[in-house]
Protein backbone atom coordinates (compact mmCIF):
# COMPACT_ATOMS: atom_id res chain seq x y z
CA UNK A 1 -0.04 -0.02 0.17
CA UNK A 2 2.89 2.28 0.64
CA UNK A 3 4.65 1.78 -2.57
CA UNK A 4 8.14 1.11 -0.72
CA UNK A 5 8.67 -2.29 -2.17
CA UNK A 6 11.07 -3.52 -5.00
CA UNK A 7 10.64 -6.85 -6.87
CA UNK A 8 13.36 -8.49 -4.79
CA UNK A 9 11.90 -7.40 -1.44
CA UNK A 10 8.35 -8.34 -2.56
CA UNK A 11 9.42 -11.85 -3.38
CA UNK A 12 11.52 -12.37 -0.31
CA UNK A 13 8.58 -11.33 1.92
CA UNK A 14 5.92 -13.35 0.25
CA UNK A 15 8.06 -16.32 -0.04
CA UNK A 16 8.77 -16.07 3.58
CA UNK A 17 5.00 -15.96 4.11
CA UNK A 18 4.28 -18.79 2.00
CA UNK A 19 6.76 -21.01 3.88
CA UNK A 20 5.05 -20.10 7.09
CA UNK A 21 1.42 -20.55 5.99
CA UNK A 22 -0.98 -22.07 3.51
CA UNK A 23 -3.29 -19.31 3.69
CA UNK A 24 -4.35 -17.55 0.51
CA UNK A 25 -2.12 -14.34 0.04
CA UNK A 26 -2.87 -11.19 -2.03
CA UNK A 27 -0.33 -8.64 -3.00
CA UNK A 28 -1.77 -5.06 -3.24
CA UNK A 29 0.98 -2.84 -4.88
CA UNK A 30 1.04 1.03 -5.57
CA UNK A 31 2.85 2.60 -8.41
CA UNK A 32 4.85 5.43 -6.47
CA UNK A 33 8.19 4.09 -7.67
CA UNK A 34 6.86 2.93 -11.03
CA UNK A 35 7.27 -0.78 -9.69
CA UNK A 36 3.54 -2.04 -9.20
CA UNK A 37 3.54 -4.45 -11.98
CA UNK A 38 7.11 -5.70 -11.35
CA UNK A 39 6.15 -6.21 -7.57
CA UNK A 40 2.94 -8.04 -8.29
CA UNK A 41 4.60 -10.38 -10.82
CA UNK A 42 7.35 -10.82 -8.06
CA UNK A 43 4.77 -11.68 -5.30
CA UNK A 44 2.68 -14.09 -7.51
CA UNK A 45 6.17 -15.97 -8.37
CA UNK A 46 6.74 -16.26 -4.74
CA UNK A 47 3.43 -17.68 -4.00
CA UNK A 48 0.77 -15.10 -3.63
CA UNK A 49 -2.53 -16.44 -4.98
CA UNK A 50 -4.46 -13.14 -5.58
CA UNK A 51 -3.18 -9.81 -7.30
CA UNK A 52 -4.98 -6.58 -6.37
CA UNK A 53 -5.35 -4.70 -9.74
CA UNK A 54 -7.13 -2.05 -11.30
CA UNK A 55 -7.94 -1.13 -15.01
CA UNK A 56 -5.23 1.26 -16.36
CA UNK A 57 -3.85 1.25 -12.84
CA UNK A 58 -6.39 3.88 -11.46
CA UNK A 59 -5.96 4.36 -7.82
CA UNK A 60 -4.36 6.39 -4.81
CA UNK A 61 -1.57 8.56 -5.50
CA UNK A 62 0.64 7.11 -8.60
CA UNK A 63 -1.96 4.20 -8.82
CA UNK A 64 -2.01 0.60 -8.47
CA UNK A 65 -0.87 -2.37 -10.62
CA UNK A 66 -2.59 -2.12 -14.07
CA UNK A 67 -4.92 -5.16 -14.69
CA UNK A 68 -3.97 -5.07 -18.41
CA UNK A 69 -0.01 -5.23 -17.65
CA UNK A 70 -0.29 -7.89 -15.14
CA UNK A 71 -2.85 -10.10 -16.97
CA UNK A 72 -0.56 -9.93 -20.31
CA UNK A 73 2.73 -10.33 -18.45
CA UNK A 74 1.46 -13.33 -16.33
CA UNK A 75 0.53 -14.86 -19.64
CA UNK A 76 3.64 -13.92 -21.72
CA UNK A 77 6.25 -14.61 -18.93
CA UNK A 78 4.98 -17.39 -16.97
CA UNK A 79 2.39 -19.19 -19.22
CA UNK A 80 -0.27 -18.45 -16.28
CA UNK A 81 -3.74 -17.73 -17.55
CA UNK A 82 -5.86 -15.46 -15.51
CA UNK A 83 -9.25 -15.85 -17.01
CA UNK A 84 -8.94 -12.32 -18.51
CA UNK A 85 -10.07 -12.09 -22.02
CA UNK A 86 -7.00 -10.21 -23.31
CA UNK A 87 -8.54 -9.19 -26.83
CA UNK A 88 -11.11 -7.05 -24.70
CA UNK A 89 -8.59 -5.11 -22.54
CA UNK A 90 -8.39 -2.26 -24.79
CA UNK A 91 -12.28 -1.91 -24.86
CA UNK A 92 -12.30 -2.31 -21.07
CA UNK A 93 -9.61 0.38 -20.87
CA UNK A 94 -11.45 2.73 -23.12
CA UNK A 95 -14.58 2.38 -21.12
CA UNK A 96 -13.06 2.90 -17.78
CA UNK A 97 -10.73 5.86 -18.85
CA UNK A 98 -13.97 7.46 -20.37
CA UNK A 99 -15.96 7.11 -17.19
CA UNK A 100 -13.00 8.39 -14.91
CA UNK A 101 -12.20 11.25 -17.37
CA UNK A 102 -8.55 10.11 -17.51
CA UNK A 103 -7.06 9.83 -20.93
CA UNK A 104 -4.90 6.95 -21.78
CA UNK A 105 -1.44 7.88 -22.84
CA UNK A 106 -0.57 6.93 -26.27
CA UNK A 107 2.26 5.17 -24.97
CA UNK A 108 0.48 3.20 -22.05
CA UNK A 109 1.89 -0.33 -21.85
CA UNK A 110 -0.63 -2.72 -23.57
CA UNK A 111 -3.73 -0.45 -24.09
CA UNK A 112 -1.95 2.66 -25.28
CA UNK A 113 -2.59 3.85 -28.90
CA UNK A 114 0.89 3.76 -30.03
CA UNK A 115 2.34 0.69 -28.32
CA UNK A 116 2.33 -1.28 -31.68
CA UNK A 117 3.39 1.78 -33.96
CA UNK A 118 6.64 1.86 -35.66
CA UNK A 119 8.42 4.74 -37.37
CA UNK A 120 12.29 3.84 -37.20
CA UNK A 121 13.61 2.60 -40.26
CA UNK A 122 15.58 -0.38 -38.90
CA UNK A 123 12.42 -1.57 -36.95
CA UNK A 124 10.21 -1.54 -39.75
CA UNK A 125 12.81 -3.17 -42.14
CA UNK A 126 13.02 -5.85 -39.48
CA UNK A 127 9.34 -6.51 -39.07
CA UNK A 128 8.66 -6.47 -42.76
CA UNK A 129 11.28 -9.37 -42.95
CA UNK A 130 10.47 -11.41 -39.80
CA UNK A 131 7.98 -9.99 -37.31
CA UNK A 132 9.84 -11.99 -34.55
CA UNK A 133 12.79 -9.46 -35.20
CA UNK A 134 11.12 -6.44 -33.05
CA UNK A 135 7.93 -8.23 -31.78
CA UNK A 136 8.28 -9.13 -28.06
CA UNK A 137 4.42 -9.25 -27.94
CA UNK A 138 2.28 -10.36 -30.89
CA UNK A 139 -0.51 -7.50 -31.00
CA UNK A 140 -2.92 -10.17 -32.45
CA UNK A 141 -3.19 -11.65 -29.01
CA UNK A 142 -4.76 -8.45 -28.05
CA UNK A 143 -6.90 -8.11 -31.05
CA UNK A 144 -4.67 -5.30 -32.43
CA UNK A 145 -1.91 -5.08 -35.16
CA UNK A 146 1.34 -3.20 -36.13
CA UNK A 147 1.00 0.08 -37.52
CA UNK A 148 3.55 1.58 -39.71
CA UNK A 149 3.94 5.54 -39.56
CA UNK A 150 6.32 7.63 -41.67
CA UNK A 151 8.53 10.41 -40.01
CA UNK A 152 11.99 11.66 -39.65
CA UNK A 153 13.27 8.33 -38.65
CA UNK A 154 11.57 6.31 -41.49
CA UNK A 155 13.47 4.29 -43.97
CA UNK A 156 13.36 3.14 -47.43
CA UNK A 157 11.62 -0.06 -46.46
CA UNK A 158 8.76 1.65 -44.73
CA UNK A 159 8.26 4.04 -47.62
CA UNK A 160 8.16 1.14 -50.11
CA UNK A 161 5.59 -0.37 -47.96
CA UNK A 162 3.49 2.68 -47.60
CA UNK A 163 3.62 3.21 -51.07
CA UNK A 164 2.69 -0.49 -51.81
CA UNK A 165 -0.28 0.00 -49.48
CA UNK A 166 -1.41 2.81 -51.46
CA UNK A 167 -1.06 0.80 -54.85
CA UNK A 168 1.54 3.10 -55.86
CA UNK A 169 4.85 1.96 -56.86
CA UNK A 170 8.32 3.88 -56.88
CA UNK A 171 11.61 3.06 -58.45
CA UNK A 172 14.69 2.66 -56.78
CA UNK A 173 15.83 6.06 -58.20
CA UNK A 174 12.74 7.72 -56.63
CA UNK A 175 12.73 6.06 -53.10
CA UNK A 176 15.66 8.18 -51.90
CA UNK A 177 14.20 11.36 -52.96
CA UNK A 178 10.64 10.35 -51.39
CA UNK A 179 12.54 9.44 -48.24
CA UNK A 180 14.33 12.70 -47.95
CA UNK A 181 11.19 14.91 -48.57
CA UNK A 182 9.17 12.72 -46.00
CA UNK A 183 11.81 13.35 -43.29
CA UNK A 184 11.99 17.08 -44.34
CA UNK A 185 8.24 17.24 -43.95
CA UNK A 186 8.09 15.23 -40.75
CA UNK A 187 10.88 17.53 -39.28
CA UNK A 188 9.18 20.65 -40.47
CA UNK A 189 5.83 19.79 -39.05
CA UNK A 190 6.76 17.89 -36.07
CA UNK A 191 4.38 15.05 -36.97
CA UNK A 192 4.19 11.96 -38.87
CA UNK A 193 3.59 12.08 -42.67
CA UNK A 194 0.07 10.82 -43.91
CA UNK A 195 -0.68 8.55 -46.80
CA UNK A 196 -2.12 11.73 -48.59
CA UNK A 197 1.04 13.64 -48.26
CA UNK A 198 3.27 10.81 -49.18
CA UNK A 199 1.02 10.23 -52.47
CA UNK A 200 1.50 14.10 -52.97
CA UNK A 201 5.31 13.82 -52.64
CA UNK A 202 5.40 10.94 -55.29
CA UNK A 203 3.43 13.12 -57.46
CA UNK A 204 5.65 16.11 -57.16
CA UNK A 205 8.97 14.19 -57.78
CA UNK A 206 7.49 12.88 -60.79
CA UNK A 207 6.30 16.14 -62.02
CA UNK A 208 9.68 17.53 -61.34
CA UNK A 209 11.34 14.77 -63.18
CA UNK A 210 9.08 15.52 -66.36
CA UNK A 211 10.25 19.16 -66.17
CA UNK A 212 13.69 18.08 -66.67
């Protein structure tokens, strides 16, 4: 409750209790140090039978261990099923966040809008070749999918893939010029490049080539 544990002390305390009793044990972790999920997992591994969690971690002070983080981590790391329907986590989080008037940060683990979004050229290139390259968690398990966006960190592979999705093709000579314009646009606007802007960039480059 005080948010003073770390995973090692949480494990040691629950392990000591488990050796002394066969009673059911519950861990109730707060996130004051950003360790609520880690402490909860450590306690469960040490023998806790119950985990006190809240949707998107809503709770006193910095909040509690988030339901979605604990449920997914239990499945991914320990192969333990909680009975939670993982594909509904995003929907539940959205309902709770709306009711609580608490927006979900875009980079919030598991349920954030950007957790499966990729811009970095090397990441996108790796994912396009083999999803396991940069996929620690399969978004399909959560009813979600990867999303590639274009920006100042994009590479040729992501530009080519984005053009293919638009049913547009570009030559090997055009791609570097398109990439340069994409990075320039992203840096100037401080935003990702939309499909419409990408198509416009391609059209401008081809028009300029015809003029020459």
